[in-house]
C-alpha atoms as a PDB file:
ATOM      1  CA  MET A   1       0.095  -0.260   0.022  1.00  0.00           C
ATOM      2  CA  ASP A   2       1.438   3.338  -1.004  1.00  0.00           C
ATOM      3  CA  LYS A   3       1.418   5.802   2.080  1.00  0.00           C
ATOM      4  CA  ASP A   4       1.497   8.752  -0.345  1.00  0.00           C
ATOM      5  CA  THR A   5      -1.655   7.837  -2.415  1.00  0.00           C
ATOM      6  CA  THR A   6      -3.846   5.817   0.205  1.00  0.00           C
ATOM      7  CA  ALA A   7      -5.921   7.027   3.098  1.00  0.00           C
ATOM      8  CA  LEU A   8      -8.755   5.200   4.925  1.00  0.00           C
ATOM      9  CA  ILE A   9     -12.047   7.334   4.887  1.00  0.00           C
ATOM     10  CA  VAL A  10     -14.250   6.728   7.736  1.00  0.00           C
ATOM     11  CA  ILE A  11     -17.754   8.258   7.860  1.00  0.00           C
ATOM     12  CA  ASP A  12     -20.618   8.514  10.159  1.00  0.00           C
ATOM     13  CA  LEU A  13     -19.619   5.818  12.572  1.00  0.00           C
ATOM     14  CA  GLN A  14     -21.467   7.515  15.256  1.00  0.00           C
ATOM     15  CA  GLU A  15     -23.344   6.048  18.201  1.00  0.00           C
ATOM     16  CA  ALA A  16     -26.475   6.252  16.535  1.00  0.00           C
ATOM     17  CA  MET A  17     -25.649   3.183  14.588  1.00  0.00           C
ATOM     18  CA  ARG A  18     -25.345   1.312  17.497  1.00  0.00           C
ATOM     19  CA  ALA A  19     -28.332   2.756  19.248  1.00  0.00           C
ATOM     20  CA  ASP A  20     -30.160   1.590  16.074  1.00  0.00           C
ATOM     21  CA  ARG A  21     -29.020  -1.862  16.079  1.00  0.00           C
ATOM     22  CA  ASP A  22     -29.670  -2.222  19.952  1.00  0.00           C
ATOM     23  CA  LYS A  23     -33.228  -1.271  19.257  1.00  0.00           C
ATOM     24  CA  GLY A  24     -33.512  -3.992  16.796  1.00  0.00           C
ATOM     25  CA  PHE A  25     -33.283  -1.877  13.407  1.00  0.00           C
ATOM     26  CA  PRO A  26     -31.758  -4.667  10.674  1.00  0.00           C
ATOM     27  CA  TRP A  27     -28.373  -4.082   9.707  1.00  0.00           C
ATOM     28  CA  PRO A  28     -26.535  -5.728   6.818  1.00  0.00           C
ATOM     29  CA  ASN A  29     -23.485  -5.833   8.881  1.00  0.00           C
ATOM     30  CA  PRO A  30     -24.197  -5.716  12.790  1.00  0.00           C
ATOM     31  CA  ASN A  31     -20.805  -6.025  13.423  1.00  0.00           C
ATOM     32  CA  ALA A  32     -19.503  -3.053  11.305  1.00  0.00           C
ATOM     33  CA  PRO A  33     -18.304  -0.819  14.423  1.00  0.00           C
ATOM     34  CA  GLU A  34     -16.040  -3.518  15.612  1.00  0.00           C
ATOM     35  CA  THR A  35     -14.972  -4.536  12.130  1.00  0.00           C
ATOM     36  CA  ALA A  36     -14.015  -0.612  11.352  1.00  0.00           C
ATOM     37  CA  GLY A  37     -12.289  -0.784  14.574  1.00  0.00           C
ATOM     38  CA  ARG A  38     -10.175  -3.658  12.986  1.00  0.00           C
ATOM     39  CA  LEU A  39      -9.499  -1.703   9.746  1.00  0.00           C
ATOM     40  CA  LEU A  40      -8.591   1.121  11.516  1.00  0.00           C
ATOM     41  CA  ALA A  41      -6.076  -0.726  13.911  1.00  0.00           C
ATOM     42  CA  ALA A  42      -4.689  -2.286  10.456  1.00  0.00           C
ATOM     43  CA  PHE A  43      -4.087   1.005   8.840  1.00  0.00           C
ATOM     44  CA  ARG A  44      -2.748   2.975  11.957  1.00  0.00           C
ATOM     45  CA  ALA A  45       0.116   0.192  12.480  1.00  0.00           C
ATOM     46  CA  ALA A  46       0.627   0.298   8.585  1.00  0.00           C
ATOM     47  CA  GLY A  47       1.181   4.237   9.270  1.00  0.00           C
ATOM     48  CA  VAL A  48      -1.301   4.917   6.434  1.00  0.00           C
ATOM     49  CA  PRO A  49      -3.330   8.124   6.955  1.00  0.00           C
ATOM     50  CA  VAL A  50      -6.937   7.820   8.389  1.00  0.00           C
ATOM     51  CA  ILE A  51      -9.225  10.593   7.942  1.00  0.00           C
ATOM     52  CA  HIS A  52     -12.735  10.647   9.767  1.00  0.00           C
ATOM     53  CA  GLY A  53     -16.134  12.291   8.877  1.00  0.00           C
ATOM     54  CA  GLN A  54     -19.109  12.970  11.075  1.00  0.00           C
ATOM     55  CA  SER A  55     -22.512  14.344  10.324  1.00  0.00           C
ATOM     56  CA  THR A  56     -24.155  16.799  12.831  1.00  0.00           C
ATOM     57  CA  ALA A  57     -26.990  19.264  12.322  1.00  0.00           C
ATOM     58  CA  ALA A  58     -28.146  21.736  14.875  1.00  0.00           C
ATOM     59  CA  ALA A  59     -31.449  22.526  12.949  1.00  0.00           C
ATOM     60  CA  PRO A  60     -34.662  21.551  15.121  1.00  0.00           C
ATOM     61  CA  GLY A  61     -35.641  17.884  14.372  1.00  0.00           C
ATOM     62  CA  GLN A  62     -32.417  16.921  12.721  1.00  0.00           C
ATOM     63  CA  ARG A  63     -31.331  13.321  14.098  1.00  0.00           C
ATOM     64  CA  PHE A  64     -27.500  14.520  14.931  1.00  0.00           C
ATOM     65  CA  PRO A  65     -27.662  17.800  16.793  1.00  0.00           C
ATOM     66  CA  PRO A  66     -24.080  17.981  18.528  1.00  0.00           C
ATOM     67  CA  ASP A  67     -25.308  17.427  21.492  1.00  0.00           C
ATOM     68  CA  ASN A  68     -27.202  14.585  21.103  1.00  0.00           C
ATOM     69  CA  PRO A  69     -25.710  11.381  22.913  1.00  0.00           C
ATOM     70  CA  THR A  70     -25.703   9.065  19.798  1.00  0.00           C
ATOM     71  CA  ALA A  71     -23.721  11.864  17.765  1.00  0.00           C
ATOM     72  CA  PRO A  72     -19.980  11.014  18.737  1.00  0.00           C
ATOM     73  CA  ALA A  73     -18.183   8.366  17.061  1.00  0.00           C
ATOM     74  CA  THR A  74     -18.268   4.988  18.608  1.00  0.00           C
ATOM     75  CA  PRO A  75     -15.372   3.872  20.847  1.00  0.00           C
ATOM     76  CA  ALA A  76     -14.163   1.539  17.985  1.00  0.00           C
ATOM     77  CA  GLY A  77     -14.337   4.523  15.217  1.00  0.00           C
ATOM     78  CA  ALA A  78     -13.094   7.399  17.106  1.00  0.00           C
ATOM     79  CA  PRO A  79     -10.402   9.481  15.598  1.00  0.00           C
ATOM     80  CA  ALA A  80      -6.988   9.018  16.931  1.00  0.00           C
ATOM     81  CA  ALA A  81      -5.211  12.651  18.433  1.00  0.00           C
ATOM     82  CA  ALA A  82      -3.274  13.102  15.030  1.00  0.00           C
ATOM     83  CA  GLU A  83      -6.140  12.095  12.600  1.00  0.00           C
ATOM     84  CA  PRO A  84      -8.134  14.755  10.801  1.00  0.00           C
ATOM     85  CA  SER A  85     -11.930  14.838  11.456  1.00  0.00           C
ATOM     86  CA  THR A  86     -14.155  16.920   9.731  1.00  0.00           C
ATOM     87  CA  VAL A  87     -17.993  17.652  10.635  1.00  0.00           C
ATOM     88  CA  ARG A  88     -20.622  18.169   8.307  1.00  0.00           C
ATOM     89  CA  ALA A  89     -23.841  19.558   8.712  1.00  0.00           C
END
């Protein structure tokens, strides 16, 4: 893998996914957070850049207001200190 031209992009791996799963919402891959965590660990160990993207929306009625406890990244998918993370509304 060429570290200069390859990156792992993690988008919307948020607590809401686990909350939905715990409520019985069907998932094609119920182990997505854990699988992503293993993938993140492998990319980090290889020194390949990891970039995170997260959805938030402050408008009334939106699912991911910044203060919603399900808006943050899952523990398995959380950015490491040096990894860039963008928030999109």
